[in-house]
Amino acid sequence: MYLHDELKQLDDAIEQFIKTAHHVTLSQEVYADGWSAKEIIAHLVFWHEYYVTVLKALANDEDPPLMEGTAEKNKFAAPIAKKNSREELLNRLVKAQQKFKKYIVLVKIPLIPYNKTAMKRPPKDYVSVIAKHVAKHEKDLHKALKK
């Protein structure tokens, strides 16, 4: 299957992130800039739902609604965190992952954009970079559990 290894890597990263997210104290500060565990969860939810929107547009041969850059995306995490419970956030992440897998295999262009300013990547690299991003935040949440 196309992208099998990369999608397995992403599935595994999300599964591990969800397991860790179930145990962390949501209000616990994880990063020095004050991001709480719940804001990190919301951050991943927002990014994953954003990627689904991009992939769906590309799969339908439409122009994707690309954002300017990382800072623009990151500012949406806090409001999502405030409006949703842990379970709601994690359920949204699971649903986004299901849609991600549906649309990534339908994309017909050789390079996929993350946003308006970032480098475009081949689908395999696109999925791998996202998996590494999820895994990085899982490790950070895991470290927070030990504090």
N, C-alpha and C. Protein backbone atom coordinates (compact mmCIF):
# COMPACT_ATOMS: atom_id res chain seq x y z
N MET A 1 0.83 -1.18 0.00
CA MET A 1 0.00 0.00 0.00
C MET A 1 0.88 1.25 0.00
N TYR A 2 0.46 2.24 -0.74
CA TYR A 2 1.15 3.51 -0.84
C TYR A 2 1.22 4.19 0.53
N LEU A 3 2.39 4.61 0.93
CA LEU A 3 2.63 5.31 2.20
C LEU A 3 2.39 4.43 3.44
N HIS A 4 2.39 3.13 3.27
CA HIS A 4 2.10 2.22 4.38
C HIS A 4 3.01 2.47 5.59
N ASP A 5 4.31 2.48 5.38
CA ASP A 5 5.25 2.63 6.49
C ASP A 5 5.11 3.99 7.16
N GLU A 6 4.96 5.02 6.36
CA GLU A 6 4.86 6.37 6.91
C GLU A 6 3.56 6.55 7.70
N LEU A 7 2.46 6.02 7.17
CA LEU A 7 1.18 6.13 7.88
C LEU A 7 1.18 5.29 9.15
N LYS A 8 1.87 4.16 9.13
CA LYS A 8 2.01 3.35 10.35
C LYS A 8 2.80 4.13 11.39
N GLN A 9 3.86 4.79 10.96
CA GLN A 9 4.66 5.61 11.87
C GLN A 9 3.79 6.71 12.49
N LEU A 10 2.96 7.35 11.70
CA LEU A 10 2.07 8.40 12.20
C LEU A 10 0.99 7.82 13.11
N ASP A 11 0.38 6.72 12.71
CA ASP A 11 -0.61 6.06 13.57
C ASP A 11 0.00 5.72 14.94
N ASP A 12 1.20 5.15 14.92
CA ASP A 12 1.87 4.77 16.17
C ASP A 12 2.16 5.99 17.04
N ALA A 13 2.62 7.07 16.40
CA ALA A 13 2.93 8.30 17.15
C ALA A 13 1.67 8.87 17.79
N ILE A 14 0.58 8.88 17.06
CA ILE A 14 -0.69 9.41 17.59
C ILE A 14 -1.22 8.50 18.69
N GLU A 15 -1.13 7.20 18.50
CA GLU A 15 -1.58 6.26 19.53
C GLU A 15 -0.81 6.47 20.83
N GLN A 16 0.51 6.62 20.72
CA GLN A 16 1.33 6.82 21.91
C GLN A 16 1.04 8.19 22.54
N PHE A 17 0.84 9.20 21.72
CA PHE A 17 0.50 10.53 22.22
C PHE A 17 -0.80 10.47 23.02
N ILE A 18 -1.80 9.79 22.50
CA ILE A 18 -3.09 9.68 23.16
C ILE A 18 -2.95 8.95 24.50
N LYS A 19 -2.18 7.88 24.53
CA LYS A 19 -1.96 7.15 25.78
C LYS A 19 -1.34 8.06 26.83
N THR A 20 -0.33 8.80 26.43
CA THR A 20 0.34 9.71 27.36
C THR A 20 -0.60 10.84 27.77
N ALA A 21 -1.35 11.36 26.83
CA ALA A 21 -2.25 12.48 27.11
C ALA A 21 -3.34 12.11 28.11
N HIS A 22 -3.68 10.84 28.19
CA HIS A 22 -4.69 10.40 29.16
C HIS A 22 -4.18 10.48 30.60
N HIS A 23 -2.87 10.51 30.79
CA HIS A 23 -2.29 10.45 32.13
C HIS A 23 -1.72 11.78 32.63
N VAL A 24 -1.49 12.70 31.76
CA VAL A 24 -0.87 13.96 32.16
C VAL A 24 -1.89 14.89 32.81
N THR A 25 -1.43 15.69 33.76
CA THR A 25 -2.29 16.71 34.36
C THR A 25 -2.44 17.83 33.34
N LEU A 26 -3.68 18.13 32.98
CA LEU A 26 -3.92 19.07 31.88
C LEU A 26 -3.38 20.46 32.13
N SER A 27 -3.40 20.91 33.36
CA SER A 27 -2.94 22.27 33.67
C SER A 27 -1.43 22.35 33.85
N GLN A 28 -0.77 21.22 33.82
CA GLN A 28 0.68 21.21 34.05
C GLN A 28 1.42 21.94 32.94
N GLU A 29 2.30 22.84 33.35
CA GLU A 29 3.15 23.55 32.39
C GLU A 29 4.18 22.57 31.85
N VAL A 30 4.27 22.50 30.53
CA VAL A 30 5.20 21.57 29.89
C VAL A 30 6.39 22.32 29.30
N TYR A 31 6.14 23.49 28.77
CA TYR A 31 7.21 24.29 28.15
C TYR A 31 7.45 25.56 28.95
N ALA A 32 8.66 26.06 28.88
CA ALA A 32 9.05 27.26 29.62
C ALA A 32 8.20 28.47 29.25
N ASP A 33 7.66 28.50 28.05
CA ASP A 33 6.83 29.65 27.64
C ASP A 33 5.41 29.58 28.21
N GLY A 34 5.15 28.57 29.03
CA GLY A 34 3.87 28.49 29.71
C GLY A 34 2.84 27.56 29.09
N TRP A 35 3.15 26.91 27.99
CA TRP A 35 2.17 26.01 27.37
C TRP A 35 1.85 24.87 28.32
N SER A 36 0.57 24.68 28.57
CA SER A 36 0.13 23.57 29.41
C SER A 36 -0.02 22.30 28.57
N ALA A 37 -0.18 21.19 29.27
CA ALA A 37 -0.39 19.93 28.57
C ALA A 37 -1.65 20.01 27.69
N LYS A 38 -2.70 20.63 28.21
CA LYS A 38 -3.94 20.72 27.44
C LYS A 38 -3.74 21.58 26.19
N GLU A 39 -2.96 22.64 26.29
CA GLU A 39 -2.69 23.47 25.11
C GLU A 39 -1.87 22.72 24.06
N ILE A 40 -0.99 21.85 24.51
CA ILE A 40 -0.21 21.03 23.56
C ILE A 40 -1.13 20.05 22.85
N ILE A 41 -2.04 19.45 23.58
CA ILE A 41 -3.01 18.54 22.96
C ILE A 41 -3.84 19.30 21.93
N ALA A 42 -4.33 20.47 22.32
CA ALA A 42 -5.13 21.29 21.41
C ALA A 42 -4.32 21.74 20.20
N HIS A 43 -3.06 22.04 20.41
CA HIS A 43 -2.15 22.43 19.33
C HIS A 43 -2.08 21.31 18.28
N LEU A 44 -1.90 20.08 18.72
CA LEU A 44 -1.83 18.96 17.77
C LEU A 44 -3.17 18.74 17.07
N VAL A 45 -4.25 18.90 17.80
CA VAL A 45 -5.57 18.76 17.19
C VAL A 45 -5.74 19.80 16.09
N PHE A 46 -5.42 21.04 16.41
CA PHE A 46 -5.60 22.09 15.41
C PHE A 46 -4.74 21.80 14.17
N TRP A 47 -3.48 21.47 14.38
CA TRP A 47 -2.60 21.20 13.24
C TRP A 47 -3.13 20.04 12.41
N HIS A 48 -3.55 18.98 13.07
CA HIS A 48 -3.99 17.80 12.32
C HIS A 48 -5.26 18.11 11.52
N GLU A 49 -6.18 18.84 12.13
CA GLU A 49 -7.39 19.23 11.40
C GLU A 49 -7.05 20.18 10.25
N TYR A 50 -6.08 21.03 10.45
CA TYR A 50 -5.62 21.92 9.38
C TYR A 50 -5.05 21.10 8.22
N TYR A 51 -4.21 20.12 8.52
CA TYR A 51 -3.63 19.29 7.46
C TYR A 51 -4.71 18.53 6.71
N VAL A 52 -5.74 18.08 7.39
CA VAL A 52 -6.85 17.40 6.73
C VAL A 52 -7.53 18.35 5.74
N THR A 53 -7.73 19.58 6.14
CA THR A 53 -8.34 20.58 5.26
C THR A 53 -7.50 20.78 4.01
N VAL A 54 -6.19 20.87 4.19
CA VAL A 54 -5.27 21.04 3.05
C VAL A 54 -5.32 19.81 2.14
N LEU A 55 -5.21 18.63 2.74
CA LEU A 55 -5.20 17.39 1.94
C LEU A 55 -6.52 17.17 1.22
N LYS A 56 -7.63 17.47 1.87
CA LYS A 56 -8.93 17.30 1.23
C LYS A 56 -9.03 18.20 0.00
N ALA A 57 -8.60 19.44 0.14
CA ALA A 57 -8.64 20.37 -1.00
C ALA A 57 -7.75 19.84 -2.14
N LEU A 58 -6.54 19.41 -1.80
CA LEU A 58 -5.63 18.90 -2.83
C LEU A 58 -6.19 17.64 -3.49
N ALA A 59 -6.80 16.76 -2.71
CA ALA A 59 -7.38 15.53 -3.25
C ALA A 59 -8.53 15.84 -4.21
N ASN A 60 -9.19 16.97 -4.00
CA ASN A 60 -10.30 17.39 -4.86
C ASN A 60 -9.86 18.39 -5.94
N ASP A 61 -8.54 18.46 -6.16
CA ASP A 61 -7.96 19.36 -7.16
C ASP A 61 -8.36 20.83 -6.94
N GLU A 62 -8.42 21.22 -5.68
CA GLU A 62 -8.75 22.60 -5.32
C GLU A 62 -7.52 23.24 -4.69
N ASP A 63 -7.51 24.58 -4.67
CA ASP A 63 -6.44 25.29 -3.96
C ASP A 63 -6.68 25.16 -2.46
N PRO A 64 -5.68 24.69 -1.74
CA PRO A 64 -5.87 24.54 -0.29
C PRO A 64 -5.83 25.90 0.42
N PRO A 65 -6.55 26.02 1.53
CA PRO A 65 -6.56 27.26 2.30
C PRO A 65 -5.32 27.32 3.20
N LEU A 66 -4.20 27.72 2.63
CA LEU A 66 -2.94 27.72 3.36
C LEU A 66 -2.82 28.93 4.26
N MET A 67 -2.29 28.71 5.45
CA MET A 67 -2.02 29.79 6.39
C MET A 67 -0.65 30.37 6.11
N GLU A 68 -0.38 31.50 6.72
CA GLU A 68 0.90 32.18 6.51
C GLU A 68 2.07 31.40 7.08
N GLY A 69 1.93 30.88 8.28
CA GLY A 69 3.07 30.19 8.88
C GLY A 69 2.72 29.59 10.23
N THR A 70 3.74 29.11 10.90
CA THR A 70 3.57 28.41 12.16
C THR A 70 2.91 29.26 13.23
N ALA A 71 3.36 30.49 13.39
CA ALA A 71 2.81 31.35 14.45
C ALA A 71 1.31 31.54 14.27
N GLU A 72 0.86 31.69 13.03
CA GLU A 72 -0.57 31.87 12.77
C GLU A 72 -1.35 30.64 13.24
N LYS A 73 -0.81 29.46 13.00
CA LYS A 73 -1.48 28.23 13.42
C LYS A 73 -1.45 28.06 14.93
N ASN A 74 -0.31 28.35 15.52
CA ASN A 74 -0.15 28.11 16.96
C ASN A 74 -1.09 28.96 17.81
N LYS A 75 -1.48 30.13 17.35
CA LYS A 75 -2.34 30.99 18.16
C LYS A 75 -3.75 30.41 18.34
N PHE A 76 -4.10 29.41 17.57
CA PHE A 76 -5.43 28.80 17.68
C PHE A 76 -5.51 27.72 18.76
N ALA A 77 -4.40 27.31 19.32
CA ALA A 77 -4.40 26.21 20.29
C ALA A 77 -5.12 26.57 21.58
N ALA A 78 -4.86 27.74 22.13
CA ALA A 78 -5.45 28.11 23.43
C ALA A 78 -6.98 28.13 23.41
N PRO A 79 -7.60 28.79 22.41
CA PRO A 79 -9.08 28.77 22.40
C PRO A 79 -9.67 27.37 22.26
N ILE A 80 -9.02 26.51 21.48
CA ILE A 80 -9.49 25.13 21.33
C ILE A 80 -9.39 24.40 22.66
N ALA A 81 -8.29 24.66 23.38
CA ALA A 81 -8.09 24.01 24.68
C ALA A 81 -9.16 24.41 25.67
N LYS A 82 -9.53 25.69 25.66
CA LYS A 82 -10.52 26.18 26.62
C LYS A 82 -11.91 25.62 26.36
N LYS A 83 -12.24 25.41 25.09
CA LYS A 83 -13.60 25.00 24.73
C LYS A 83 -13.84 23.50 24.76
N ASN A 84 -12.79 22.70 24.89
CA ASN A 84 -12.94 21.25 24.77
C ASN A 84 -12.33 20.51 25.95
N SER A 85 -12.95 19.40 26.32
CA SER A 85 -12.40 18.53 27.36
C SER A 85 -11.27 17.70 26.76
N ARG A 86 -10.56 17.01 27.62
CA ARG A 86 -9.49 16.10 27.15
C ARG A 86 -10.07 15.09 26.17
N GLU A 87 -11.18 14.45 26.56
CA GLU A 87 -11.77 13.43 25.70
C GLU A 87 -12.21 14.00 24.35
N GLU A 88 -12.81 15.18 24.38
CA GLU A 88 -13.22 15.81 23.11
C GLU A 88 -12.02 16.08 22.22
N LEU A 89 -10.96 16.59 22.81
CA LEU A 89 -9.75 16.88 22.03
C LEU A 89 -9.16 15.60 21.44
N LEU A 90 -9.04 14.57 22.26
CA LEU A 90 -8.45 13.33 21.77
C LEU A 90 -9.33 12.65 20.73
N ASN A 91 -10.65 12.74 20.90
CA ASN A 91 -11.55 12.21 19.88
C ASN A 91 -11.41 12.97 18.57
N ARG A 92 -11.24 14.28 18.66
CA ARG A 92 -11.02 15.08 17.44
C ARG A 92 -9.72 14.67 16.75
N LEU A 93 -8.70 14.38 17.54
CA LEU A 93 -7.42 13.95 16.96
C LEU A 93 -7.58 12.61 16.24
N VAL A 94 -8.29 11.68 16.84
CA VAL A 94 -8.53 10.37 16.21
C VAL A 94 -9.30 10.55 14.90
N LYS A 95 -10.35 11.35 14.93
CA LYS A 95 -11.14 11.58 13.71
C LYS A 95 -10.30 12.26 12.63
N ALA A 96 -9.48 13.22 13.04
CA ALA A 96 -8.62 13.90 12.06
C ALA A 96 -7.63 12.91 11.44
N GLN A 97 -7.10 12.01 12.25
CA GLN A 97 -6.16 11.03 11.71
C GLN A 97 -6.84 10.11 10.70
N GLN A 98 -8.07 9.72 10.97
CA GLN A 98 -8.80 8.87 10.02
C GLN A 98 -8.98 9.61 8.68
N LYS A 99 -9.34 10.86 8.75
CA LYS A 99 -9.52 11.65 7.52
C LYS A 99 -8.17 11.91 6.84
N PHE A 100 -7.13 12.15 7.63
CA PHE A 100 -5.80 12.36 7.08
C PHE A 100 -5.41 11.18 6.19
N LYS A 101 -5.60 9.97 6.73
CA LYS A 101 -5.23 8.76 5.97
C LYS A 101 -6.08 8.61 4.72
N LYS A 102 -7.33 9.02 4.79
CA LYS A 102 -8.21 8.94 3.63
C LYS A 102 -7.73 9.87 2.50
N TYR A 103 -7.38 11.09 2.87
CA TYR A 103 -7.06 12.09 1.84
C TYR A 103 -5.62 12.06 1.35
N ILE A 104 -4.68 11.69 2.20
CA ILE A 104 -3.27 11.73 1.78
C ILE A 104 -3.02 10.83 0.57
N VAL A 105 -3.71 9.70 0.51
CA VAL A 105 -3.49 8.77 -0.61
C VAL A 105 -4.19 9.23 -1.89
N LEU A 106 -5.07 10.23 -1.78
CA LEU A 106 -5.78 10.74 -2.95
C LEU A 106 -5.10 11.96 -3.58
N VAL A 107 -4.11 12.50 -2.89
CA VAL A 107 -3.42 13.68 -3.40
C VAL A 107 -2.61 13.30 -4.63
N LYS A 108 -2.76 14.09 -5.70
CA LYS A 108 -2.14 13.74 -6.98
C LYS A 108 -0.93 14.59 -7.33
N ILE A 109 -0.55 15.53 -6.47
CA ILE A 109 0.60 16.37 -6.77
C ILE A 109 1.84 15.82 -6.08
N PRO A 110 3.03 16.07 -6.65
CA PRO A 110 4.24 15.47 -6.10
C PRO A 110 4.76 16.11 -4.81
N LEU A 111 4.37 17.38 -4.56
CA LEU A 111 4.84 18.08 -3.36
C LEU A 111 3.66 18.71 -2.63
N ILE A 112 3.62 18.51 -1.32
CA ILE A 112 2.50 19.00 -0.51
C ILE A 112 2.98 20.16 0.35
N PRO A 113 2.24 21.27 0.36
CA PRO A 113 2.62 22.41 1.20
C PRO A 113 2.11 22.26 2.64
N TYR A 114 2.89 22.79 3.59
CA TYR A 114 2.44 22.87 4.98
C TYR A 114 1.69 24.18 5.21
N ASN A 115 2.22 25.25 4.62
CA ASN A 115 1.60 26.57 4.73
C ASN A 115 2.15 27.41 3.58
N LYS A 116 1.90 28.69 3.58
CA LYS A 116 2.33 29.54 2.46
C LYS A 116 3.83 29.73 2.39
N THR A 117 4.52 29.61 3.53
CA THR A 117 5.95 29.93 3.56
C THR A 117 6.87 28.73 3.69
N ALA A 118 6.39 27.61 4.16
CA ALA A 118 7.25 26.45 4.38
C ALA A 118 7.53 25.70 3.08
N MET A 119 8.62 24.95 3.12
CA MET A 119 9.00 24.13 1.97
C MET A 119 7.94 23.05 1.73
N LYS A 120 7.66 22.79 0.49
CA LYS A 120 6.74 21.69 0.13
C LYS A 120 7.53 20.39 0.18
N ARG A 121 6.84 19.30 0.48
CA ARG A 121 7.51 18.01 0.60
C ARG A 121 6.74 16.92 -0.14
N PRO A 122 7.45 15.88 -0.59
CA PRO A 122 6.77 14.71 -1.15
C PRO A 122 5.88 14.09 -0.08
N PRO A 123 4.82 13.41 -0.47
CA PRO A 123 3.90 12.82 0.52
C PRO A 123 4.59 11.99 1.61
N LYS A 124 5.56 11.17 1.25
CA LYS A 124 6.25 10.35 2.26
C LYS A 124 6.91 11.22 3.31
N ASP A 125 7.60 12.25 2.87
CA ASP A 125 8.28 13.15 3.81
C ASP A 125 7.27 13.97 4.62
N TYR A 126 6.21 14.38 3.97
CA TYR A 126 5.15 15.15 4.63
C TYR A 126 4.60 14.37 5.82
N VAL A 127 4.28 13.11 5.60
CA VAL A 127 3.74 12.26 6.67
C VAL A 127 4.79 12.03 7.75
N SER A 128 6.03 11.77 7.35
CA SER A 128 7.09 11.51 8.33
C SER A 128 7.37 12.72 9.21
N VAL A 129 7.37 13.90 8.63
CA VAL A 129 7.60 15.12 9.42
C VAL A 129 6.48 15.31 10.44
N ILE A 130 5.26 15.06 10.04
CA ILE A 130 4.13 15.19 10.97
C ILE A 130 4.23 14.14 12.07
N ALA A 131 4.61 12.92 11.73
CA ALA A 131 4.78 11.87 12.74
C ALA A 131 5.85 12.26 13.75
N LYS A 132 6.94 12.84 13.29
CA LYS A 132 8.01 13.28 14.19
C LYS A 132 7.53 14.42 15.09
N HIS A 133 6.71 15.30 14.55
CA HIS A 133 6.16 16.40 15.33
C HIS A 133 5.28 15.85 16.46
N VAL A 134 4.42 14.90 16.15
CA VAL A 134 3.57 14.29 17.16
C VAL A 134 4.43 13.58 18.21
N ALA A 135 5.42 12.82 17.76
CA ALA A 135 6.30 12.08 18.68
C ALA A 135 7.08 13.02 19.60
N LYS A 136 7.49 14.16 19.09
CA LYS A 136 8.22 15.14 19.90
C LYS A 136 7.34 15.64 21.05
N HIS A 137 6.10 15.98 20.72
CA HIS A 137 5.20 16.47 21.76
C HIS A 137 4.84 15.35 22.75
N GLU A 138 4.75 14.12 22.27
CA GLU A 138 4.48 13.00 23.18
C GLU A 138 5.63 12.86 24.17
N LYS A 139 6.85 12.95 23.70
CA LYS A 139 8.02 12.85 24.59
C LYS A 139 8.01 13.96 25.62
N ASP A 140 7.63 15.16 25.19
CA ASP A 140 7.57 16.29 26.11
C ASP A 140 6.49 16.09 27.17
N LEU A 141 5.33 15.57 26.76
CA LEU A 141 4.28 15.27 27.74
C LEU A 141 4.74 14.16 28.69
N HIS A 142 5.42 13.17 28.14
CA HIS A 142 5.92 12.07 28.96
C HIS A 142 6.90 12.57 30.01
N LYS A 143 7.79 13.48 29.63
CA LYS A 143 8.73 14.06 30.58
C LYS A 143 7.98 14.82 31.67
N ALA A 144 6.90 15.50 31.29
CA ALA A 144 6.11 16.26 32.26
C ALA A 144 5.46 15.33 33.29
N LEU A 145 5.15 14.11 32.89
CA LEU A 145 4.58 13.15 33.83
C LEU A 145 5.54 12.82 34.97
N LYS A 146 6.83 12.89 34.68
CA LYS A 146 7.84 12.52 35.66
C LYS A 146 8.21 13.66 36.60
N LYS A 147 7.69 14.87 36.33
CA LYS A 147 8.04 16.03 37.18
C LYS A 147 7.29 15.97 38.49
